[in-house]
């Protein structure tokens, strides 16, 4: 299996119209051997990601942003935990965006996002992101339609600026079915080690499922660009989700053609006493 196949299969083409009802949530045809094949590939990819992230940190030239969005229970936390297991924590940072603070609300909606962007040599993962400002605000009518509609262009221009300044952006939508969400919510109620994750807010938000599907579809359609593409990852099968996300990240990092910095001159004659 080549990760480029995942890039091609799940990338949203710029200008394409996304109807999430037509996107599968449990397909895994890229990995013909199913879960056994995935297990065999997983360790090799983990080593590749470790190597690539290590040279990213050492070279101190590129900046990488990974955006992860999903419906509730879509697996954002779990994906981050599994995909980035074992990477160098000095060069990786996870940012989770919650409800804006009063200070953040005093600024434009991209202010809190911009200040958390990766530095040179850093890989940053956004668990939710600036896309909440064209999703939840639309679903719950907290801002006028004319406001959230113009934000698509704002976001595209913002991401273009980031890319022009040396940031590589990879965006994932973890696509689960409503049936799978029900199963995962029930698991949180039934398993003691998962109860802490359950929130009544998840049940309230579930009532807006169709609205969120339309909002996500429009966001993916309007903001998948050549410089910052979206990938719609079938996420009902956790093993496939993890491997597909890892495949895209590894393949994208390889395109940066990174190298370790050259050693200082005059090391040949040095002896450590």
Protein backbone atom coordinates (compact mmCIF):
# COMPACT_ATOMS: atom_id res chain seq x y z
CA UNK A 1 0.00 0.00 0.00
CA UNK A 2 1.32 3.47 -0.90
CA UNK A 3 0.19 6.42 1.14
CA UNK A 4 -0.21 8.42 -2.08
CA UNK A 5 -3.30 6.28 -2.75
CA UNK A 6 -4.86 7.72 0.41
CA UNK A 7 -3.94 11.23 -0.73
CA UNK A 8 -5.75 10.68 -4.01
CA UNK A 9 -8.74 8.78 -2.63
CA UNK A 10 -9.78 11.10 0.19
CA UNK A 11 -8.57 14.56 -0.82
CA UNK A 12 -11.32 17.07 -1.60
CA UNK A 13 -10.56 18.57 -5.00
CA UNK A 14 -10.53 22.38 -5.00
CA UNK A 15 -13.83 23.65 -6.33
CA UNK A 16 -15.51 20.29 -5.78
CA UNK A 17 -18.95 20.07 -4.23
CA UNK A 18 -19.04 17.95 -1.07
CA UNK A 19 -22.24 16.12 -0.14
CA UNK A 20 -21.27 14.10 2.93
CA UNK A 21 -24.23 11.79 2.37
CA UNK A 22 -22.33 10.43 -0.63
CA UNK A 23 -19.11 9.85 1.32
CA UNK A 24 -18.60 6.49 2.99
CA UNK A 25 -17.87 6.33 6.71
CA UNK A 26 -16.67 2.73 6.97
CA UNK A 27 -14.92 1.98 3.67
CA UNK A 28 -11.39 0.63 3.89
CA UNK A 29 -10.69 -0.46 0.32
CA UNK A 30 -7.26 1.22 0.29
CA UNK A 31 -6.10 -1.49 2.70
CA UNK A 32 -7.26 -4.64 0.94
CA UNK A 33 -6.01 -6.86 3.74
CA UNK A 34 -8.15 -5.13 6.34
CA UNK A 35 -7.08 -4.76 9.94
CA UNK A 36 -4.27 -7.38 9.80
CA UNK A 37 -2.60 -5.44 6.96
CA UNK A 38 -3.08 -2.19 8.87
CA UNK A 39 -1.28 -3.60 11.91
CA UNK A 40 1.62 -4.67 9.73
CA UNK A 41 1.89 -1.22 8.13
CA UNK A 42 1.34 0.77 11.32
CA UNK A 43 4.73 0.20 12.95
CA UNK A 44 6.61 1.11 9.80
CA UNK A 45 4.65 4.32 9.43
CA UNK A 46 5.18 5.21 13.06
CA UNK A 47 8.93 4.93 12.53
CA UNK A 48 8.69 7.03 9.35
CA UNK A 49 6.72 9.73 11.14
CA UNK A 50 9.23 9.76 14.00
CA UNK A 51 12.11 10.20 11.55
CA UNK A 52 10.37 12.93 9.58
CA UNK A 53 9.28 14.89 12.63
CA UNK A 54 12.77 14.59 14.10
CA UNK A 55 14.42 16.10 11.03
CA UNK A 56 11.67 18.77 10.89
CA UNK A 57 12.65 19.80 14.42
CA UNK A 58 16.40 19.61 13.77
CA UNK A 59 16.34 21.51 10.47
CA UNK A 60 14.28 24.33 12.02
CA UNK A 61 13.06 25.56 8.64
CA UNK A 62 9.56 24.24 7.94
CA UNK A 63 6.33 24.70 9.93
CA UNK A 64 3.52 22.13 9.82
CA UNK A 65 -0.11 22.55 10.86
CA UNK A 66 -2.50 19.59 11.09
CA UNK A 67 -6.18 20.51 11.51
CA UNK A 68 -8.60 17.85 12.78
CA UNK A 69 -12.35 18.38 12.73
CA UNK A 70 -15.17 15.90 13.36
CA UNK A 71 -18.64 15.50 14.75
CA UNK A 72 -18.80 14.70 18.48
CA UNK A 73 -17.25 11.24 19.15
CA UNK A 74 -15.60 11.39 15.72
CA UNK A 75 -12.26 10.42 17.25
CA UNK A 76 -10.20 13.61 17.32
CA UNK A 77 -8.50 12.87 20.65
CA UNK A 78 -7.98 9.21 19.85
CA UNK A 79 -6.51 9.96 16.43
CA UNK A 80 -4.02 12.39 17.91
CA UNK A 81 -3.03 9.90 20.60
CA UNK A 82 -2.48 7.01 18.18
CA UNK A 83 -0.97 8.79 15.19
CA UNK A 84 1.52 10.88 17.14
CA UNK A 85 2.51 8.19 19.62
CA UNK A 86 6.27 8.26 20.13
CA UNK A 87 7.11 11.52 18.34
CA UNK A 88 9.52 13.98 19.93
CA UNK A 89 7.39 16.08 22.33
CA UNK A 90 9.82 19.00 22.04
CA UNK A 91 8.69 19.63 18.48
CA UNK A 92 4.99 18.78 18.68
CA UNK A 93 2.17 20.79 20.25
CA UNK A 94 -1.58 20.07 20.48
CA UNK A 95 -4.00 22.99 20.66
CA UNK A 96 -7.63 22.41 21.67
CA UNK A 97 -10.00 25.26 20.95
CA UNK A 98 -12.82 25.65 23.45
CA UNK A 99 -15.43 28.36 23.85
CA UNK A 100 -13.73 31.76 23.26
CA UNK A 101 -12.67 33.72 26.32
CA UNK A 102 -13.76 37.32 26.89
CA UNK A 103 -10.32 38.50 25.73
CA UNK A 104 -10.56 36.44 22.54
CA UNK A 105 -14.04 37.79 21.83
CA UNK A 106 -12.62 41.32 21.97
CA UNK A 107 -10.50 40.51 18.91
CA UNK A 108 -11.30 39.22 15.43
CA UNK A 109 -12.17 35.51 15.30
CA UNK A 110 -8.81 34.51 13.78
CA UNK A 111 -6.73 36.27 16.45
CA UNK A 112 -6.69 33.38 18.90
CA UNK A 113 -5.86 30.98 16.08
CA UNK A 114 -3.00 32.98 14.58
CA UNK A 115 -1.13 33.23 17.86
CA UNK A 116 -1.07 29.42 18.21
CA UNK A 117 0.40 28.67 14.81
CA UNK A 118 3.55 26.53 14.55
CA UNK A 119 7.00 28.04 14.78
CA UNK A 120 9.90 26.92 12.61
CA UNK A 121 10.69 23.27 13.29
CA UNK A 122 7.34 22.68 14.98
CA UNK A 123 4.36 20.46 14.15
CA UNK A 124 1.11 21.71 15.67
CA UNK A 125 -2.16 19.78 15.77
CA UNK A 126 -5.42 21.70 16.08
CA UNK A 127 -8.12 19.72 17.87
CA UNK A 128 -11.00 21.78 16.46
CA UNK A 129 -9.96 25.04 14.90
CA UNK A 130 -10.95 28.30 13.20
CA UNK A 131 -13.50 26.23 11.27
CA UNK A 132 -15.81 26.33 14.27
CA UNK A 133 -16.51 29.88 13.13
CA UNK A 134 -18.26 28.62 10.00
CA UNK A 135 -19.79 25.55 11.67
CA UNK A 136 -21.24 25.91 15.16
CA UNK A 137 -22.06 29.60 14.68
CA UNK A 138 -23.97 28.69 11.53
CA UNK A 139 -25.82 25.71 13.01
CA UNK A 140 -26.93 27.69 16.07
CA UNK A 141 -27.48 31.01 14.28
CA UNK A 142 -25.21 32.92 16.65
CA UNK A 143 -23.94 35.19 13.89
CA UNK A 144 -25.80 36.44 10.80
CA UNK A 145 -25.55 34.41 7.60
CA UNK A 146 -23.78 37.25 5.78
CA UNK A 147 -21.05 37.13 8.46
CA UNK A 148 -20.25 33.41 8.39
CA UNK A 149 -20.52 33.26 4.60
CA UNK A 150 -17.76 35.82 4.09
CA UNK A 151 -15.51 33.90 6.49
CA UNK A 152 -14.83 31.21 3.87
CA UNK A 153 -12.87 33.77 1.87
CA UNK A 154 -11.21 35.12 5.03
CA UNK A 155 -10.03 31.62 5.97
CA UNK A 156 -8.71 30.84 2.49
CA UNK A 157 -6.75 34.09 2.42
CA UNK A 158 -5.48 33.53 5.96
CA UNK A 159 -4.26 30.03 5.14
CA UNK A 160 -2.70 31.24 1.89
CA UNK A 161 -0.71 33.81 3.85
CA UNK A 162 0.46 31.12 6.28
CA UNK A 163 1.57 28.88 3.41
CA UNK A 164 3.38 31.78 1.73
CA UNK A 165 5.25 32.26 5.02
CA UNK A 166 6.39 28.63 5.10
CA UNK A 167 3.62 26.67 6.82
CA UNK A 168 2.44 23.34 5.41
CA UNK A 169 -1.27 22.81 6.18
CA UNK A 170 -3.06 19.44 6.23
CA UNK A 171 -6.75 19.33 7.16
CA UNK A 172 -8.77 16.25 8.13
CA UNK A 173 -12.48 15.73 8.56
CA UNK A 174 -13.07 12.44 10.41
CA UNK A 175 -16.34 11.25 8.90
CA UNK A 176 -18.52 9.01 11.08
CA UNK A 177 -22.10 7.84 10.66
CA UNK A 178 -24.94 8.83 12.95
CA UNK A 179 -25.29 5.14 13.87
CA UNK A 180 -21.64 4.96 14.90
CA UNK A 181 -21.99 8.13 16.97
CA UNK A 182 -24.89 6.53 18.85
CA UNK A 183 -22.73 3.48 19.55
CA UNK A 184 -19.86 5.58 20.86
CA UNK A 185 -22.08 7.72 23.07
CA UNK A 186 -23.61 4.58 24.57
CA UNK A 187 -20.11 3.21 25.21
CA UNK A 188 -19.31 6.33 27.23
CA UNK A 189 -22.31 5.64 29.44
CA UNK A 190 -21.55 1.95 29.87
CA UNK A 191 -17.77 1.91 30.43
CA UNK A 192 -16.46 3.47 33.65
CA UNK A 193 -13.18 4.58 32.06
CA UNK A 194 -15.14 6.50 29.40
CA UNK A 195 -17.87 8.08 31.53
CA UNK A 196 -15.83 11.22 32.13
CA UNK A 197 -16.07 11.97 28.40
CA UNK A 198 -19.86 11.94 28.32
CA UNK A 199 -21.66 15.26 28.15
CA UNK A 200 -25.35 16.04 27.83
CA UNK A 201 -24.27 18.69 25.36
CA UNK A 202 -23.39 15.85 22.96
CA UNK A 203 -27.01 14.70 23.03
CA UNK A 204 -28.25 18.22 22.36
CA UNK A 205 -25.83 18.68 19.48
CA UNK A 206 -26.85 15.31 18.02
CA UNK A 207 -30.28 16.79 17.29
CA UNK A 208 -28.58 19.12 14.82
CA UNK A 209 -26.90 16.28 12.89
CA UNK A 210 -28.34 17.23 9.48
CA UNK A 211 -27.48 20.88 9.93
CA UNK A 212 -23.89 20.02 10.83
CA UNK A 213 -23.59 17.72 7.81
CA UNK A 214 -24.64 20.57 5.52
CA UNK A 215 -22.38 23.05 7.29
CA UNK A 216 -19.40 20.71 7.06
CA UNK A 217 -20.15 19.95 3.42
CA UNK A 218 -20.14 23.64 2.54
CA UNK A 219 -16.98 24.32 4.56
CA UNK A 220 -15.13 21.46 2.89
CA UNK A 221 -16.33 22.57 -0.55
CA UNK A 222 -15.41 26.22 -0.05
CA UNK A 223 -12.07 25.85 1.75
CA UNK A 224 -10.29 22.86 0.22
CA UNK A 225 -7.57 24.63 -1.74
CA UNK A 226 -4.37 23.61 -3.53
CA UNK A 227 -2.38 25.15 -0.68
CA UNK A 228 -4.49 23.77 2.20
CA UNK A 229 -6.45 20.65 1.12
CA UNK A 230 -9.10 18.83 3.11
CA UNK A 231 -9.17 15.03 3.45
CA UNK A 232 -12.46 13.32 4.30
CA UNK A 233 -11.43 10.19 6.21
CA UNK A 234 -13.92 7.33 6.77
CA UNK A 235 -13.77 7.08 10.57
CA UNK A 236 -16.23 4.39 11.68
CA UNK A 237 -13.31 1.93 11.76
CA UNK A 238 -10.77 3.38 14.15
CA UNK A 239 -7.85 1.32 12.84
CA UNK A 240 -8.47 2.59 9.31
CA UNK A 241 -8.92 6.17 10.42
CA UNK A 242 -5.59 6.18 12.25
CA UNK A 243 -3.67 4.62 9.39
CA UNK A 244 -5.25 6.82 6.73
CA UNK A 245 -4.44 10.01 8.67
CA UNK A 246 -0.89 8.82 9.32
CA UNK A 247 -0.45 7.96 5.63
CA UNK A 248 -1.43 11.44 4.50
CA UNK A 249 0.84 13.14 7.04
CA UNK A 250 3.85 10.96 6.22
CA UNK A 251 3.38 11.40 2.47
CA UNK A 252 3.01 15.17 2.83
CA UNK A 253 6.09 15.52 5.04
CA UNK A 254 8.13 13.58 2.50
CA UNK A 255 7.37 16.22 -0.14
CA UNK A 256 9.25 18.79 1.98
CA UNK A 257 12.53 16.95 1.22
CA UNK A 258 13.94 17.86 4.61
CA UNK A 259 17.54 17.25 5.65
CA UNK A 260 19.45 17.38 8.90
CA UNK A 261 21.54 20.53 9.20
CA UNK A 262 25.24 20.08 8.40
CA UNK A 263 27.54 19.50 11.39
CA UNK A 264 29.81 22.31 12.59
CA UNK A 265 33.21 22.47 10.92
CA UNK A 266 36.31 21.04 12.59
CA UNK A 267 34.78 18.01 14.30
CA UNK A 268 37.13 15.45 12.71
CA UNK A 269 39.97 15.85 15.20
CA UNK A 270 37.85 16.14 18.33
CA UNK A 271 38.21 13.43 20.99
CA UNK A 272 35.95 13.13 23.98
CA UNK A 273 38.05 12.58 27.11
